[in-house]
């Protein structure tokens, strides 16, 4: 697996660059996501069958479309 990768995502009909850093932790694979204009956040595989924001109540509030776009980018990179 690569140390980090970038993905071009579309959110609100605007292209954005997401820098994604995989991190293997004792409780599974986490992905640190950095997108200009948004707080840094982490994503993990969820029971919903896709990647979702980790952190529970401490997680930043992000647009749902952005979360789905990053989830798709992470899935595409792992294939």
PDB file of N, CA and C in Angstrom:
ATOM      1  N   UNK A   1       0.843  -1.170   0.000  1.00  0.00           N
ATOM      2  CA  UNK A   1       0.000   0.000   0.000  1.00  0.00           C
ATOM      3  C   UNK A   1       0.893   1.239   0.000  1.00  0.00           C
ATOM      4  N   UNK A   2       0.476   2.243  -0.744  1.00  0.00           N
ATOM      5  CA  UNK A   2       1.246   3.481  -0.845  1.00  0.00           C
ATOM      6  C   UNK A   2       1.242   4.219   0.482  1.00  0.00           C
ATOM      7  N   UNK A   3       2.278   5.023   0.696  1.00  0.00           N
ATOM      8  CA  UNK A   3       2.356   5.809   1.925  1.00  0.00           C
ATOM      9  C   UNK A   3       1.242   6.848   1.943  1.00  0.00           C
ATOM     10  N   UNK A   4       1.039   7.531   0.839  1.00  0.00           N
ATOM     11  CA  UNK A   4      -0.076   8.472   0.713  1.00  0.00           C
ATOM     12  C   UNK A   4      -0.436   8.573  -0.761  1.00  0.00           C
ATOM     13  N   UNK A   5      -1.625   9.103  -1.025  1.00  0.00           N
ATOM     14  CA  UNK A   5      -2.040   9.295  -2.404  1.00  0.00           C
ATOM     15  C   UNK A   5      -2.967  10.495  -2.479  1.00  0.00           C
ATOM     16  N   UNK A   6      -3.129  11.005  -3.677  1.00  0.00           N
ATOM     17  CA  UNK A   6      -4.042  12.123  -3.895  1.00  0.00           C
ATOM     18  C   UNK A   6      -5.182  11.640  -4.775  1.00  0.00           C
ATOM     19  N   UNK A   7      -6.315  12.284  -4.628  1.00  0.00           N
ATOM     20  CA  UNK A   7      -7.482  11.943  -5.432  1.00  0.00           C
ATOM     21  C   UNK A   7      -8.216  13.228  -5.791  1.00  0.00           C
ATOM     22  N   UNK A   8      -8.619  13.320  -7.031  1.00  0.00           N
ATOM     23  CA  UNK A   8      -9.437  14.443  -7.475  1.00  0.00           C
ATOM     24  C   UNK A   8     -10.883  14.042  -7.209  1.00  0.00           C
ATOM     25  N   UNK A   9     -11.586  14.792  -6.356  1.00  0.00           N
ATOM     26  CA  UNK A   9     -12.982  14.500  -6.048  1.00  0.00           C
ATOM     27  C   UNK A   9     -13.841  15.674  -6.502  1.00  0.00           C
ATOM     28  N   UNK A  10     -15.111  15.425  -6.667  1.00  0.00           N
ATOM     29  CA  UNK A  10     -16.060  16.465  -7.054  1.00  0.00           C
ATOM     30  C   UNK A  10     -17.030  16.662  -5.905  1.00  0.00           C
ATOM     31  N   UNK A  11     -17.138  17.910  -5.444  1.00  0.00           N
ATOM     32  CA  UNK A  11     -18.077  18.255  -4.376  1.00  0.00           C
ATOM     33  C   UNK A  11     -18.734  19.577  -4.754  1.00  0.00           C
ATOM     34  N   UNK A  12     -20.051  19.626  -4.745  1.00  0.00           N
ATOM     35  CA  UNK A  12     -20.812  20.808  -5.178  1.00  0.00           C
ATOM     36  C   UNK A  12     -20.388  21.259  -6.573  1.00  0.00           C
ATOM     37  N   UNK A  13     -20.189  20.294  -7.445  1.00  0.00           N
ATOM     38  CA  UNK A  13     -19.808  20.530  -8.843  1.00  0.00           C
ATOM     39  C   UNK A  13     -18.456  21.228  -8.990  1.00  0.00           C
ATOM     40  N   UNK A  14     -17.635  21.165  -7.945  1.00  0.00           N
ATOM     41  CA  UNK A  14     -16.288  21.741  -7.987  1.00  0.00           C
ATOM     42  C   UNK A  14     -15.274  20.631  -7.775  1.00  0.00           C
ATOM     43  N   UNK A  15     -14.222  20.612  -8.586  1.00  0.00           N
ATOM     44  CA  UNK A  15     -13.152  19.631  -8.342  1.00  0.00           C
ATOM     45  C   UNK A  15     -12.306  20.057  -7.145  1.00  0.00           C
ATOM     46  N   UNK A  16     -11.934  19.101  -6.341  1.00  0.00           N
ATOM     47  CA  UNK A  16     -11.094  19.347  -5.161  1.00  0.00           C
ATOM     48  C   UNK A  16     -10.026  18.270  -5.102  1.00  0.00           C
ATOM     49  N   UNK A  17      -8.891  18.617  -4.556  1.00  0.00           N
ATOM     50  CA  UNK A  17      -7.807  17.663  -4.375  1.00  0.00           C
ATOM     51  C   UNK A  17      -7.816  17.171  -2.931  1.00  0.00           C
ATOM     52  N   UNK A  18      -7.881  15.868  -2.767  1.00  0.00           N
ATOM     53  CA  UNK A  18      -7.841  15.260  -1.436  1.00  0.00           C
ATOM     54  C   UNK A  18      -6.522  14.507  -1.290  1.00  0.00           C
ATOM     55  N   UNK A  19      -5.799  14.788  -0.220  1.00  0.00           N
ATOM     56  CA  UNK A  19      -4.583  14.052   0.108  1.00  0.00           C
ATOM     57  C   UNK A  19      -4.966  13.048   1.186  1.00  0.00           C
ATOM     58  N   UNK A  20      -4.747  11.764   0.904  1.00  0.00           N
ATOM     59  CA  UNK A  20      -5.196  10.696   1.795  1.00  0.00           C
ATOM     60  C   UNK A  20      -3.990   9.892   2.250  1.00  0.00           C
ATOM     61  N   UNK A  21      -3.862   9.741   3.575  1.00  0.00           N
ATOM     62  CA  UNK A  21      -2.721   9.035   4.160  1.00  0.00           C
ATOM     63  C   UNK A  21      -3.232   7.810   4.910  1.00  0.00           C
ATOM     64  N   UNK A  22      -2.983   6.599   4.394  1.00  0.00           N
ATOM     65  CA  UNK A  22      -3.395   5.379   5.115  1.00  0.00           C
ATOM     66  C   UNK A  22      -2.548   5.192   6.373  1.00  0.00           C
ATOM     67  N   UNK A  23      -3.197   4.768   7.450  1.00  0.00           N
ATOM     68  CA  UNK A  23      -2.503   4.518   8.713  1.00  0.00           C
ATOM     69  C   UNK A  23      -3.035   3.218   9.300  1.00  0.00           C
ATOM     70  N   UNK A  24      -2.156   2.224   9.441  1.00  0.00           N
ATOM     71  CA  UNK A  24      -2.555   0.962  10.056  1.00  0.00           C
ATOM     72  C   UNK A  24      -2.436   1.110  11.566  1.00  0.00           C
ATOM     73  N   UNK A  25      -3.548   0.987  12.261  1.00  0.00           N
ATOM     74  CA  UNK A  25      -3.582   1.096  13.721  1.00  0.00           C
ATOM     75  C   UNK A  25      -4.023  -0.238  14.303  1.00  0.00           C
ATOM     76  N   UNK A  26      -3.919  -0.366  15.621  1.00  0.00           N
ATOM     77  CA  UNK A  26      -4.260  -1.647  16.238  1.00  0.00           C
ATOM     78  C   UNK A  26      -5.737  -2.004  16.067  1.00  0.00           C
ATOM     79  N   UNK A  27      -6.600  -1.018  15.818  1.00  0.00           N
ATOM     80  CA  UNK A  27      -8.022  -1.309  15.625  1.00  0.00           C
ATOM     81  C   UNK A  27      -8.432  -1.212  14.153  1.00  0.00           C
ATOM     82  N   UNK A  28      -7.470  -1.339  13.236  1.00  0.00           N
ATOM     83  CA  UNK A  28      -7.789  -1.386  11.810  1.00  0.00           C
ATOM     84  C   UNK A  28      -7.156  -0.256  11.021  1.00  0.00           C
ATOM     85  N   UNK A  29      -7.483  -0.222   9.750  1.00  0.00           N
ATOM     86  CA  UNK A  29      -6.933   0.775   8.835  1.00  0.00           C
ATOM     87  C   UNK A  29      -7.731   2.070   8.947  1.00  0.00           C
ATOM     88  N   UNK A  30      -7.022   3.165   9.161  1.00  0.00           N
ATOM     89  CA  UNK A  30      -7.605   4.503   9.198  1.00  0.00           C
ATOM     90  C   UNK A  30      -7.009   5.302   8.050  1.00  0.00           C
ATOM     91  N   UNK A  31      -7.776   6.232   7.520  1.00  0.00           N
ATOM     92  CA  UNK A  31      -7.303   7.087   6.436  1.00  0.00           C
ATOM     93  C   UNK A  31      -7.426   8.536   6.886  1.00  0.00           C
ATOM     94  N   UNK A  32      -6.284   9.223   6.974  1.00  0.00           N
ATOM     95  CA  UNK A  32      -6.281  10.648   7.282  1.00  0.00           C
ATOM     96  C   UNK A  32      -6.567  11.382   5.984  1.00  0.00           C
ATOM     97  N   UNK A  33      -7.534  12.296   6.007  1.00  0.00           N
ATOM     98  CA  UNK A  33      -7.938  12.998   4.798  1.00  0.00           C
ATOM     99  C   UNK A  33      -7.724  14.499   4.993  1.00  0.00           C
ATOM    100  N   UNK A  34      -7.014  15.097   4.037  1.00  0.00           N
ATOM    101  CA  UNK A  34      -6.738  16.531   4.055  1.00  0.00           C
ATOM    102  C   UNK A  34      -7.283  17.149   2.775  1.00  0.00           C
ATOM    103  N   UNK A  35      -8.218  18.091   2.936  1.00  0.00           N
ATOM    104  CA  UNK A  35      -8.808  18.810   1.809  1.00  0.00           C
ATOM    105  C   UNK A  35      -8.805  20.290   2.180  1.00  0.00           C
ATOM    106  N   UNK A  36      -8.271  21.115   1.290  1.00  0.00           N
ATOM    107  CA  UNK A  36      -8.194  22.548   1.562  1.00  0.00           C
ATOM    108  C   UNK A  36      -9.600  23.107   1.807  1.00  0.00           C
ATOM    109  N   UNK A  37      -9.741  23.867   2.895  1.00  0.00           N
ATOM    110  CA  UNK A  37     -11.018  24.463   3.243  1.00  0.00           C
ATOM    111  C   UNK A  37     -11.851  23.651   4.211  1.00  0.00           C
ATOM    112  N   UNK A  38     -11.379  22.440   4.557  1.00  0.00           N
ATOM    113  CA  UNK A  38     -12.091  21.579   5.497  1.00  0.00           C
ATOM    114  C   UNK A  38     -11.124  21.129   6.580  1.00  0.00           C
ATOM    115  N   UNK A  39     -11.625  20.869   7.792  1.00  0.00           N
ATOM    116  CA  UNK A  39     -10.727  20.353   8.841  1.00  0.00           C
ATOM    117  C   UNK A  39     -10.257  18.946   8.481  1.00  0.00           C
ATOM    118  N   UNK A  40      -9.059  18.602   8.936  1.00  0.00           N
ATOM    119  CA  UNK A  40      -8.543  17.241   8.728  1.00  0.00           C
ATOM    120  C   UNK A  40      -9.475  16.248   9.425  1.00  0.00           C
ATOM    121  N   UNK A  41      -9.718  15.124   8.770  1.00  0.00           N
ATOM    122  CA  UNK A  41     -10.578  14.112   9.376  1.00  0.00           C
ATOM    123  C   UNK A  41     -10.066  12.729   9.014  1.00  0.00           C
ATOM    124  N   UNK A  42     -10.585  11.732   9.711  1.00  0.00           N
ATOM    125  CA  UNK A  42     -10.173  10.344   9.519  1.00  0.00           C
ATOM    126  C   UNK A  42     -11.379   9.526   9.085  1.00  0.00           C
ATOM    127  N   UNK A  43     -11.110   8.552   8.211  1.00  0.00           N
ATOM    128  CA  UNK A  43     -12.174   7.670   7.755  1.00  0.00           C
ATOM    129  C   UNK A  43     -11.783   6.219   8.011  1.00  0.00           C
ATOM    130  N   UNK A  44     -12.787   5.399   8.326  1.00  0.00           N
ATOM    131  CA  UNK A  44     -12.607   3.960   8.545  1.00  0.00           C
ATOM    132  C   UNK A  44     -13.753   3.230   7.848  1.00  0.00           C
ATOM    133  N   UNK A  45     -13.554   1.925   7.619  1.00  0.00           N
ATOM    134  CA  UNK A  45     -14.622   1.105   7.043  1.00  0.00           C
ATOM    135  C   UNK A  45     -15.728   0.979   8.075  1.00  0.00           C
ATOM    136  N   UNK A  46     -16.969   1.174   7.658  1.00  0.00           N
ATOM    137  CA  UNK A  46     -18.082   1.163   8.606  1.00  0.00           C
ATOM    138  C   UNK A  46     -19.055   0.032   8.303  1.00  0.00           C
ATOM    139  N   UNK A  47     -19.993  -0.154   9.200  1.00  0.00           N
ATOM    140  CA  UNK A  47     -21.025  -1.173   9.030  1.00  0.00           C
ATOM    141  C   UNK A  47     -21.980  -0.829   7.889  1.00  0.00           C
ATOM    142  N   UNK A  48     -21.908   0.398   7.389  1.00  0.00           N
ATOM    143  CA  UNK A  48     -22.756   0.814   6.278  1.00  0.00           C
ATOM    144  C   UNK A  48     -22.271   0.256   4.937  1.00  0.00           C
ATOM    145  N   UNK A  49     -21.108  -0.393   4.948  1.00  0.00           N
ATOM    146  CA  UNK A  49     -20.565  -0.964   3.727  1.00  0.00           C
ATOM    147  C   UNK A  49     -19.785   0.038   2.895  1.00  0.00           C
ATOM    148  N   UNK A  50     -19.290   1.085   3.534  1.00  0.00           N
ATOM    149  CA  UNK A  50     -18.474   2.104   2.878  1.00  0.00           C
ATOM    150  C   UNK A  50     -17.590   2.752   3.932  1.00  0.00           C
ATOM    151  N   UNK A  51     -16.687   3.622   3.500  1.00  0.00           N
ATOM    152  CA  UNK A  51     -15.854   4.351   4.449  1.00  0.00           C
ATOM    153  C   UNK A  51     -16.655   5.511   5.013  1.00  0.00           C
ATOM    154  N   UNK A  52     -16.499   5.754   6.313  1.00  0.00           N
ATOM    155  CA  UNK A  52     -17.229   6.824   6.981  1.00  0.00           C
ATOM    156  C   UNK A  52     -16.277   7.550   7.918  1.00  0.00           C
ATOM    157  N   UNK A  53     -16.669   8.734   8.344  1.00  0.00           N
ATOM    158  CA  UNK A  53     -15.841   9.550   9.222  1.00  0.00           C
ATOM    159  C   UNK A  53     -15.733   8.883  10.588  1.00  0.00           C
ATOM    160  N   UNK A  54     -14.521   8.802  11.102  1.00  0.00           N
ATOM    161  CA  UNK A  54     -14.265   8.217  12.416  1.00  0.00           C
ATOM    162  C   UNK A  54     -14.273   9.327  13.463  1.00  0.00           C
ATOM    163  N   UNK A  55     -14.523   8.960  14.677  1.00  0.00           N
ATOM    164  CA  UNK A  55     -14.412   9.915  15.761  1.00  0.00           C
ATOM    165  C   UNK A  55     -15.678  10.116  16.559  1.00  0.00           C
ATOM    166  N   UNK A  56     -16.786   9.598  16.079  1.00  0.00           N
ATOM    167  CA  UNK A  56     -18.037   9.731  16.822  1.00  0.00           C
ATOM    168  C   UNK A  56     -18.421  11.178  17.007  1.00  0.00           C
ATOM    169  N   UNK A  57     -18.643  11.572  18.261  1.00  0.00           N
ATOM    170  CA  UNK A  57     -19.064  12.941  18.558  1.00  0.00           C
ATOM    171  C   UNK A  57     -17.950  13.957  18.323  1.00  0.00           C
ATOM    172  N   UNK A  58     -16.708  13.509  18.345  1.00  0.00           N
ATOM    173  CA  UNK A  58     -15.576  14.416  18.139  1.00  0.00           C
ATOM    174  C   UNK A  58     -15.295  14.682  16.667  1.00  0.00           C
ATOM    175  N   UNK A  59     -15.952  13.959  15.776  1.00  0.00           N
ATOM    176  CA  UNK A  59     -15.697  14.099  14.339  1.00  0.00           C
ATOM    177  C   UNK A  59     -16.226  15.442  13.841  1.00  0.00           C
ATOM    178  N   UNK A  60     -15.520  16.061  12.902  1.00  0.00           N
ATOM    179  CA  UNK A  60     -16.009  17.327  12.350  1.00  0.00           C
ATOM    180  C   UNK A  60     -17.288  17.108  11.548  1.00  0.00           C
ATOM    181  N   UNK A  61     -18.115  18.132  11.473  1.00  0.00           N
ATOM    182  CA  UNK A  61     -19.344  18.069  10.684  1.00  0.00           C
ATOM    183  C   UNK A  61     -18.967  18.416   9.246  1.00  0.00           C
ATOM    184  N   UNK A  62     -19.188  17.470   8.356  1.00  0.00           N
ATOM    185  CA  UNK A  62     -18.809  17.622   6.957  1.00  0.00           C
ATOM    186  C   UNK A  62     -20.021  17.367   6.068  1.00  0.00           C
ATOM    187  N   UNK A  63     -20.040  17.976   4.881  1.00  0.00           N
ATOM    188  CA  UNK A  63     -21.138  17.692   3.955  1.00  0.00           C
ATOM    189  C   UNK A  63     -21.157  16.213   3.573  1.00  0.00           C
ATOM    190  N   UNK A  64     -22.359  15.652   3.501  1.00  0.00           N
ATOM    191  CA  UNK A  64     -22.518  14.230   3.221  1.00  0.00           C
ATOM    192  C   UNK A  64     -21.951  13.868   1.847  1.00  0.00           C
ATOM    193  N   UNK A  65     -22.128  14.736   0.870  1.00  0.00           N
ATOM    194  CA  UNK A  65     -21.606  14.489  -0.470  1.00  0.00           C
ATOM    195  C   UNK A  65     -20.091  14.397  -0.491  1.00  0.00           C
ATOM    196  N   UNK A  66     -19.431  15.181   0.348  1.00  0.00           N
ATOM    197  CA  UNK A  66     -17.975  15.142   0.454  1.00  0.00           C
ATOM    198  C   UNK A  66     -17.522  13.806   1.034  1.00  0.00           C
ATOM    199  N   UNK A  67     -18.210  13.337   2.053  1.00  0.00           N
ATOM    200  CA  UNK A  67     -17.883  12.057   2.675  1.00  0.00           C
ATOM    201  C   UNK A  67     -18.015  10.918   1.662  1.00  0.00           C
ATOM    202  N   UNK A  68     -19.092  10.940   0.884  1.00  0.00           N
ATOM    203  CA  UNK A  68     -19.294   9.897  -0.122  1.00  0.00           C
ATOM    204  C   UNK A  68     -18.221   9.951  -1.211  1.00  0.00           C
ATOM    205  N   UNK A  69     -17.834  11.158  -1.622  1.00  0.00           N
ATOM    206  CA  UNK A  69     -16.808  11.296  -2.663  1.00  0.00           C
ATOM    207  C   UNK A  69     -15.463  10.765  -2.179  1.00  0.00           C
ATOM    208  N   UNK A  70     -15.106  11.053  -0.924  1.00  0.00           N
ATOM    209  CA  UNK A  70     -13.843  10.545  -0.382  1.00  0.00           C
ATOM    210  C   UNK A  70     -13.920   9.043  -0.205  1.00  0.00           C
ATOM    211  N   UNK A  71     -15.056   8.530   0.239  1.00  0.00           N
ATOM    212  CA  UNK A  71     -15.224   7.080   0.376  1.00  0.00           C
ATOM    213  C   UNK A  71     -14.999   6.390  -0.962  1.00  0.00           C
ATOM    214  N   UNK A  72     -15.571   6.936  -2.017  1.00  0.00           N
ATOM    215  CA  UNK A  72     -15.401   6.365  -3.356  1.00  0.00           C
ATOM    216  C   UNK A  72     -13.927   6.413  -3.779  1.00  0.00           C
ATOM    217  N   UNK A  73     -13.236   7.505  -3.458  1.00  0.00           N
ATOM    218  CA  UNK A  73     -11.820   7.634  -3.822  1.00  0.00           C
ATOM    219  C   UNK A  73     -10.958   6.610  -3.096  1.00  0.00           C
ATOM    220  N   UNK A  74     -11.246   6.377  -1.823  1.00  0.00           N
ATOM    221  CA  UNK A  74     -10.486   5.382  -1.063  1.00  0.00           C
ATOM    222  C   UNK A  74     -10.741   3.987  -1.629  1.00  0.00           C
ATOM    223  N   UNK A  75     -11.992   3.675  -1.918  1.00  0.00           N
ATOM    224  CA  UNK A  75     -12.310   2.365  -2.485  1.00  0.00           C
ATOM    225  C   UNK A  75     -11.634   2.164  -3.833  1.00  0.00           C
ATOM    226  N   UNK A  76     -11.601   3.197  -4.663  1.00  0.00           N
ATOM    227  CA  UNK A  76     -10.982   3.099  -5.990  1.00  0.00           C
ATOM    228  C   UNK A  76      -9.469   2.875  -5.871  1.00  0.00           C
ATOM    229  N   UNK A  77      -8.856   3.450  -4.852  1.00  0.00           N
ATOM    230  CA  UNK A  77      -7.409   3.303  -4.697  1.00  0.00           C
ATOM    231  C   UNK A  77      -7.010   1.929  -4.204  1.00  0.00           C
ATOM    232  N   UNK A  78      -7.925   1.219  -3.546  1.00  0.00           N
ATOM    233  CA  UNK A  78      -7.592  -0.082  -2.983  1.00  0.00           C
ATOM    234  C   UNK A  78      -7.851  -1.221  -3.958  1.00  0.00           C
ATOM    235  N   UNK A  79      -8.280  -0.917  -5.158  1.00  0.00           N
ATOM    236  CA  UNK A  79      -8.562  -1.963  -6.149  1.00  0.00           C
ATOM    237  C   UNK A  79      -7.409  -2.139  -7.094  1.00  0.00           C
TER     238      UNK A  79
END
